[in-house]
Amino acid sequence: MTRAPRIPNLGGARAFILHRPHPTVQAITRQLSAIGLITLDCWPELPPEALAADFVFFDADLGFDEQFPWKPGEAPMPLVALIGSEVPGRIEWALSHKADAQLLKPVGTAGVYSALLIARQSFEARKHLAGEIASLRQRVAERQTIVRAVTALSKGTNDDRAYAQLRSLAMSWQISIEDAARRIVAMTEEEGGDDQSHRA
């Protein structure tokens, strides 16, 4: 049975609103203050302290890459896009920054709380997925290293014996099979380099 995610307490969280002075900023600030968030508005770019923010609301209509102190799609917090124009290029730009939620302008008296919750959950899910992908890539890389080490050890013998030899070396060195494989591969590469220097 899957447990429903708990609604987080957002009181005391910090939100930056990256938008030119406009009634939209006032409407968002009112709602965020009522929820208990600390708000800071800025334009035309985010200050360095925004890196410690819990949320960033940004104007998708007039926004540009240089406003952010990170690369597109690499924000360290949930982003909420403020969309007034449905011009495809502007929506595409907001998507390139991996906005976790959106609010349509003009912003009324509601909508900010649900945008915060959706943005937080979407951001956490994306971060979790990125972690899993990085872990899988690491495991694939480790398997390739093990295959290379077994290949290096199997000269004159079969792969099963070479793998057993790798396990034996790992135990005698008191390290993991992956670390032992990396060591074998590094030694093989060093020997290869030495051979080439002798031939030169």
C-alpha atoms as a PDB file:
ATOM      1  CA  MET A   1       0.000   0.000   0.000  1.00  0.00           C
ATOM      2  CA  THR A   2       1.408   3.388  -1.017  1.00  0.00           C
ATOM      3  CA  ARG A   3       1.297   6.088   1.629  1.00  0.00           C
ATOM      4  CA  ALA A   4       0.021   9.492   0.567  1.00  0.00           C
ATOM      5  CA  PRO A   5       2.716  12.149   0.810  1.00  0.00           C
ATOM      6  CA  ARG A   6       2.418  14.359   3.904  1.00  0.00           C
ATOM      7  CA  ILE A   7       1.635  18.033   3.373  1.00  0.00           C
ATOM      8  CA  PRO A   8       4.800  19.839   4.479  1.00  0.00           C
ATOM      9  CA  ASN A   9       4.752  22.770   6.882  1.00  0.00           C
ATOM     10  CA  LEU A  10       5.979  25.716   4.821  1.00  0.00           C
ATOM     11  CA  GLY A  11       6.109  28.270   7.637  1.00  0.00           C
ATOM     12  CA  GLY A  12       9.478  30.053   7.723  1.00  0.00           C
ATOM     13  CA  ALA A  13      10.476  28.957   4.203  1.00  0.00           C
ATOM     14  CA  ARG A  14      12.076  31.624   1.988  1.00  0.00           C
ATOM     15  CA  ALA A  15      10.710  32.428  -1.461  1.00  0.00           C
ATOM     16  CA  PHE A  16      12.234  34.776  -4.022  1.00  0.00           C
ATOM     17  CA  ILE A  17       9.942  36.391  -6.602  1.00  0.00           C
ATOM     18  CA  LEU A  18      11.918  37.225  -9.734  1.00  0.00           C
ATOM     19  CA  HIS A  19       9.509  39.604 -11.446  1.00  0.00           C
ATOM     20  CA  ARG A  20       9.448  43.276 -12.409  1.00  0.00           C
ATOM     21  CA  PRO A  21       7.436  45.516 -10.013  1.00  0.00           C
ATOM     22  CA  HIS A  22       3.828  44.583 -10.762  1.00  0.00           C
ATOM     23  CA  PRO A  23       0.499  43.799  -9.013  1.00  0.00           C
ATOM     24  CA  THR A  24       1.353  40.089  -9.628  1.00  0.00           C
ATOM     25  CA  VAL A  25       4.224  40.399  -7.133  1.00  0.00           C
ATOM     26  CA  GLN A  26       1.913  41.951  -4.523  1.00  0.00           C
ATOM     27  CA  ALA A  27      -0.711  39.213  -5.010  1.00  0.00           C
ATOM     28  CA  ILE A  28       1.895  36.435  -4.612  1.00  0.00           C
ATOM     29  CA  THR A  29       3.507  38.173  -1.613  1.00  0.00           C
ATOM     30  CA  ARG A  30       0.133  38.445   0.160  1.00  0.00           C
ATOM     31  CA  GLN A  31      -0.580  34.731  -0.308  1.00  0.00           C
ATOM     32  CA  LEU A  32       2.950  33.636   0.674  1.00  0.00           C
ATOM     33  CA  SER A  33       2.873  35.813   3.809  1.00  0.00           C
ATOM     34  CA  ALA A  34      -0.513  34.315   4.801  1.00  0.00           C
ATOM     35  CA  ILE A  35       1.010  30.810   4.468  1.00  0.00           C
ATOM     36  CA  GLY A  36       3.966  31.892   6.631  1.00  0.00           C
ATOM     37  CA  LEU A  37       6.745  32.247   4.062  1.00  0.00           C
ATOM     38  CA  ILE A  38       9.392  34.966   4.049  1.00  0.00           C
ATOM     39  CA  THR A  39       9.330  36.661   0.643  1.00  0.00           C
ATOM     40  CA  LEU A  40      11.908  38.712  -1.216  1.00  0.00           C
ATOM     41  CA  ASP A  41      11.226  40.224  -4.604  1.00  0.00           C
ATOM     42  CA  CYS A  42      13.964  41.131  -7.067  1.00  0.00           C
ATOM     43  CA  TRP A  43      14.466  42.214 -10.664  1.00  0.00           C
ATOM     44  CA  PRO A  44      16.183  41.859 -13.129  1.00  0.00           C
ATOM     45  CA  GLU A  45      18.241  39.013 -11.618  1.00  0.00           C
ATOM     46  CA  LEU A  46      18.472  36.804  -8.557  1.00  0.00           C
ATOM     47  CA  PRO A  47      20.999  37.843  -5.909  1.00  0.00           C
ATOM     48  CA  PRO A  48      23.598  35.265  -4.724  1.00  0.00           C
ATOM     49  CA  GLU A  49      21.646  34.656  -1.477  1.00  0.00           C
ATOM     50  CA  ALA A  50      18.833  33.190  -3.602  1.00  0.00           C
ATOM     51  CA  LEU A  51      20.913  29.994  -3.784  1.00  0.00           C
ATOM     52  CA  ALA A  52      19.725  29.299  -0.214  1.00  0.00           C
ATOM     53  CA  ALA A  53      16.046  29.916  -1.053  1.00  0.00           C
ATOM     54  CA  ASP A  54      13.365  27.263  -0.602  1.00  0.00           C
ATOM     55  CA  PHE A  55      11.373  28.398  -3.657  1.00  0.00           C
ATOM     56  CA  VAL A  56      11.821  30.749  -6.616  1.00  0.00           C
ATOM     57  CA  PHE A  57       8.927  32.239  -8.581  1.00  0.00           C
ATOM     58  CA  PHE A  58      10.072  33.603 -11.945  1.00  0.00           C
ATOM     59  CA  ASP A  59       8.519  35.599 -14.771  1.00  0.00           C
ATOM     60  CA  ALA A  60       8.318  33.353 -17.830  1.00  0.00           C
ATOM     61  CA  ASP A  61       7.229  36.271 -20.050  1.00  0.00           C
ATOM     62  CA  LEU A  62      10.295  38.507 -19.701  1.00  0.00           C
ATOM     63  CA  GLY A  63      12.782  36.053 -18.187  1.00  0.00           C
ATOM     64  CA  PHE A  64      16.216  35.228 -19.606  1.00  0.00           C
ATOM     65  CA  ASP A  65      18.946  32.706 -18.752  1.00  0.00           C
ATOM     66  CA  GLU A  66      21.390  35.220 -17.246  1.00  0.00           C
ATOM     67  CA  GLN A  67      18.917  36.039 -14.445  1.00  0.00           C
ATOM     68  CA  PHE A  68      19.776  32.792 -12.698  1.00  0.00           C
ATOM     69  CA  PRO A  69      23.062  31.924 -10.921  1.00  0.00           C
ATOM     70  CA  TRP A  70      22.830  28.347 -12.291  1.00  0.00           C
ATOM     71  CA  LYS A  71      22.576  26.643 -15.674  1.00  0.00           C
ATOM     72  CA  PRO A  72      19.112  26.026 -17.200  1.00  0.00           C
ATOM     73  CA  GLY A  73      17.515  22.990 -15.583  1.00  0.00           C
ATOM     74  CA  GLU A  74      19.940  22.898 -12.632  1.00  0.00           C
ATOM     75  CA  ALA A  75      18.077  24.962 -10.026  1.00  0.00           C
ATOM     76  CA  PRO A  76      18.839  23.794  -6.464  1.00  0.00           C
ATOM     77  CA  MET A  77      15.259  24.490  -5.332  1.00  0.00           C
ATOM     78  CA  PRO A  78      11.688  24.174  -6.691  1.00  0.00           C
ATOM     79  CA  LEU A  79      10.784  26.737  -9.378  1.00  0.00           C
ATOM     80  CA  VAL A  80       7.344  28.165 -10.108  1.00  0.00           C
ATOM     81  CA  ALA A  81       6.878  29.784 -13.539  1.00  0.00           C
ATOM     82  CA  LEU A  82       4.624  32.839 -13.714  1.00  0.00           C
ATOM     83  CA  ILE A  83       3.021  32.647 -17.157  1.00  0.00           C
ATOM     84  CA  GLY A  84       1.012  35.446 -18.733  1.00  0.00           C
ATOM     85  CA  SER A  85       1.759  34.886 -22.398  1.00  0.00           C
ATOM     86  CA  GLU A  86       1.198  31.530 -24.090  1.00  0.00           C
ATOM     87  CA  VAL A  87       3.707  32.266 -26.849  1.00  0.00           C
ATOM     88  CA  PRO A  88       5.299  28.831 -27.560  1.00  0.00           C
ATOM     89  CA  GLY A  89       8.858  30.206 -27.325  1.00  0.00           C
ATOM     90  CA  ARG A  90       8.227  31.594 -23.827  1.00  0.00           C
ATOM     91  CA  ILE A  91       6.680  28.333 -22.588  1.00  0.00           C
ATOM     92  CA  GLU A  92       9.559  26.393 -24.135  1.00  0.00           C
ATOM     93  CA  TRP A  93      12.012  28.671 -22.295  1.00  0.00           C
ATOM     94  CA  ALA A  94      10.211  28.082 -18.966  1.00  0.00           C
ATOM     95  CA  LEU A  95      10.320  24.327 -19.627  1.00  0.00           C
ATOM     96  CA  SER A  96      14.070  24.516 -20.349  1.00  0.00           C
ATOM     97  CA  HIS A  97      14.473  25.731 -16.757  1.00  0.00           C
ATOM     98  CA  LYS A  98      12.477  22.709 -15.570  1.00  0.00           C
ATOM     99  CA  ALA A  99       9.774  24.722 -13.813  1.00  0.00           C
ATOM    100  CA  ASP A 100       8.188  22.439 -11.217  1.00  0.00           C
ATOM    101  CA  ALA A 101       4.830  24.240 -11.200  1.00  0.00           C
ATOM    102  CA  GLN A 102       3.158  27.198 -12.844  1.00  0.00           C
ATOM    103  CA  LEU A 103       0.839  30.067 -11.984  1.00  0.00           C
ATOM    104  CA  LEU A 104      -1.148  31.856 -14.660  1.00  0.00           C
ATOM    105  CA  LYS A 105      -1.109  35.649 -14.592  1.00  0.00           C
ATOM    106  CA  PRO A 106      -2.895  37.701 -13.479  1.00  0.00           C
ATOM    107  CA  VAL A 107      -2.567  35.975 -10.097  1.00  0.00           C
ATOM    108  CA  GLY A 108      -5.753  36.217  -8.048  1.00  0.00           C
ATOM    109  CA  THR A 109      -6.407  35.531  -4.386  1.00  0.00           C
ATOM    110  CA  ALA A 110      -5.673  31.776  -4.570  1.00  0.00           C
ATOM    111  CA  GLY A 111      -3.403  29.254  -6.267  1.00  0.00           C
ATOM    112  CA  VAL A 112      -0.034  29.973  -4.647  1.00  0.00           C
ATOM    113  CA  TYR A 113      -0.342  27.312  -1.919  1.00  0.00           C
ATOM    114  CA  SER A 114      -1.126  24.485  -4.370  1.00  0.00           C
ATOM    115  CA  ALA A 115       1.681  25.716  -6.678  1.00  0.00           C
ATOM    116  CA  LEU A 116       4.127  25.507  -3.744  1.00  0.00           C
ATOM    117  CA  LEU A 117       3.088  21.953  -2.850  1.00  0.00           C
ATOM    118  CA  ILE A 118       3.153  20.744  -6.462  1.00  0.00           C
ATOM    119  CA  ALA A 119       6.530  22.420  -7.057  1.00  0.00           C
ATOM    120  CA  ARG A 120       8.030  20.872  -3.906  1.00  0.00           C
ATOM    121  CA  GLN A 121       6.804  17.363  -4.750  1.00  0.00           C
ATOM    122  CA  SER A 122       7.818  17.601  -8.420  1.00  0.00           C
ATOM    123  CA  PHE A 123      11.290  18.888  -7.455  1.00  0.00           C
ATOM    124  CA  GLU A 124      11.814  16.101  -4.885  1.00  0.00           C
ATOM    125  CA  ALA A 125      10.671  13.445  -7.396  1.00  0.00           C
ATOM    126  CA  ARG A 126      13.030  14.849 -10.053  1.00  0.00           C
ATOM    127  CA  LYS A 127      15.926  14.921  -7.567  1.00  0.00           C
ATOM    128  CA  HIS A 128      15.201  11.329  -6.507  1.00  0.00           C
ATOM    129  CA  LEU A 129      15.068  10.188 -10.145  1.00  0.00           C
ATOM    130  CA  ALA A 130      18.357  11.981 -10.929  1.00  0.00           C
ATOM    131  CA  GLY A 131      19.956  10.203  -7.949  1.00  0.00           C
ATOM    132  CA  GLU A 132      18.709   6.814  -9.175  1.00  0.00           C
ATOM    133  CA  ILE A 133      20.015   7.499 -12.706  1.00  0.00           C
ATOM    134  CA  ALA A 134      23.424   8.535 -11.318  1.00  0.00           C
ATOM    135  CA  SER A 135      23.505   5.351  -9.203  1.00  0.00           C
ATOM    136  CA  LEU A 136      22.621   3.169 -12.220  1.00  0.00           C
ATOM    137  CA  ARG A 137      25.291   4.863 -14.338  1.00  0.00           C
ATOM    138  CA  GLN A 138      27.817   4.239 -11.570  1.00  0.00           C
ATOM    139  CA  ARG A 139      26.833   0.566 -11.404  1.00  0.00           C
ATOM    140  CA  VAL A 140      27.125   0.195 -15.202  1.00  0.00           C
ATOM    141  CA  ALA A 141      30.558   1.847 -15.102  1.00  0.00           C
ATOM    142  CA  GLU A 142      31.617  -0.500 -12.278  1.00  0.00           C
ATOM    143  CA  ARG A 143      30.443  -3.544 -14.238  1.00  0.00           C
ATOM    144  CA  GLN A 144      32.426  -2.394 -17.266  1.00  0.00           C
ATOM    145  CA  THR A 145      35.490  -2.012 -15.021  1.00  0.00           C
ATOM    146  CA  ILE A 146      34.980  -5.550 -13.662  1.00  0.00           C
ATOM    147  CA  VAL A 147      34.710  -6.902 -17.238  1.00  0.00           C
ATOM    148  CA  ARG A 148      37.940  -5.091 -18.179  1.00  0.00           C
ATOM    149  CA  ALA A 149      39.706  -6.456 -15.082  1.00  0.00           C
ATOM    150  CA  VAL A 150      38.494 -10.019 -15.777  1.00  0.00           C
ATOM    151  CA  THR A 151      39.651  -9.677 -19.397  1.00  0.00           C
ATOM    152  CA  ALA A 152      43.075  -8.516 -18.209  1.00  0.00           C
ATOM    153  CA  LEU A 153      43.340 -11.415 -15.741  1.00  0.00           C
ATOM    154  CA  SER A 154      42.008 -14.072 -18.143  1.00  0.00           C
ATOM    155  CA  LYS A 155      45.054 -14.119 -20.432  1.00  0.00           C
ATOM    156  CA  GLY A 156      45.900 -17.818 -20.690  1.00  0.00           C
ATOM    157  CA  THR A 157      42.877 -18.910 -18.594  1.00  0.00           C
ATOM    158  CA  ASN A 158      39.076 -18.738 -18.746  1.00  0.00           C
ATOM    159  CA  ASP A 159      36.782 -15.966 -17.505  1.00  0.00           C
ATOM    160  CA  ASP A 160      35.465 -17.963 -14.525  1.00  0.00           C
ATOM    161  CA  ARG A 161      38.978 -18.495 -13.191  1.00  0.00           C
ATOM    162  CA  ALA A 162      39.844 -14.854 -13.848  1.00  0.00           C
ATOM    163  CA  TYR A 163      36.747 -13.704 -11.919  1.00  0.00           C
ATOM    164  CA  ALA A 164      37.637 -16.055  -9.040  1.00  0.00           C
ATOM    165  CA  GLN A 165      41.143 -14.579  -9.088  1.00  0.00           C
ATOM    166  CA  LEU A 166      39.669 -11.051  -8.942  1.00  0.00           C
ATOM    167  CA  ARG A 167      37.535 -12.022  -5.925  1.00  0.00           C
ATOM    168  CA  SER A 168      40.542 -13.584  -4.257  1.00  0.00           C
ATOM    169  CA  LEU A 169      42.599 -10.422  -4.834  1.00  0.00           C
ATOM    170  CA  ALA A 170      39.782  -8.267  -3.435  1.00  0.00           C
ATOM    171  CA  MET A 171      39.668 -10.400  -0.277  1.00  0.00           C
ATOM    172  CA  SER A 172      43.431 -10.367   0.181  1.00  0.00           C
ATOM    173  CA  TRP A 173      43.561  -6.586  -0.339  1.00  0.00           C
ATOM    174  CA  GLN A 174      40.478  -6.232   1.932  1.00  0.00           C
ATOM    175  CA  ILE A 175      38.629  -4.052  -0.559  1.00  0.00           C
ATOM    176  CA  SER A 176      35.460  -4.421  -2.670  1.00  0.00           C
ATOM    177  CA  ILE A 177      35.494  -6.279  -5.994  1.00  0.00           C
ATOM    178  CA  GLU A 178      34.825  -2.946  -7.741  1.00  0.00           C
ATOM    179  CA  ASP A 179      37.861  -1.315  -6.090  1.00  0.00           C
ATOM    180  CA  ALA A 180      40.011  -4.363  -6.883  1.00  0.00           C
ATOM    181  CA  ALA A 181      38.843  -4.209 -10.518  1.00  0.00           C
ATOM    182  CA  ARG A 182      39.757  -0.505 -10.699  1.00  0.00           C
ATOM    183  CA  ARG A 183      43.213  -1.321  -9.295  1.00  0.00           C
ATOM    184  CA  ILE A 184      43.754  -4.145 -11.839  1.00  0.00           C
ATOM    185  CA  VAL A 185      42.624  -1.921 -14.729  1.00  0.00           C
ATOM    186  CA  ALA A 186      44.925   0.901 -13.563  1.00  0.00           C
ATOM    187  CA  MET A 187      47.894  -1.504 -13.294  1.00  0.00           C
ATOM    188  CA  THR A 188      47.125  -2.910 -16.764  1.00  0.00           C
ATOM    189  CA  GLU A 189      46.990   0.606 -18.233  1.00  0.00           C
ATOM    190  CA  GLU A 190      50.304   1.495 -16.554  1.00  0.00           C
ATOM    191  CA  GLU A 191      51.919  -1.649 -17.978  1.00  0.00           C
ATOM    192  CA  GLY A 192      50.501  -0.818 -21.422  1.00  0.00           C
ATOM    193  CA  GLY A 193      51.953   2.672 -21.181  1.00  0.00           C
ATOM    194  CA  ASP A 194      55.347   1.317 -20.133  1.00  0.00           C
ATOM    195  CA  ASP A 195      55.357  -1.147 -23.048  1.00  0.00           C
ATOM    196  CA  GLN A 196      54.667   1.658 -25.521  1.00  0.00           C
ATOM    197  CA  SER A 197      57.432   3.853 -24.044  1.00  0.00           C
ATOM    198  CA  HIS A 198      59.921   0.957 -24.348  1.00  0.00           C
ATOM    199  CA  ARG A 199      58.951   0.466 -27.995  1.00  0.00           C
ATOM    200  CA  ALA A 200      59.356   4.163 -28.798  1.00  0.00           C
END
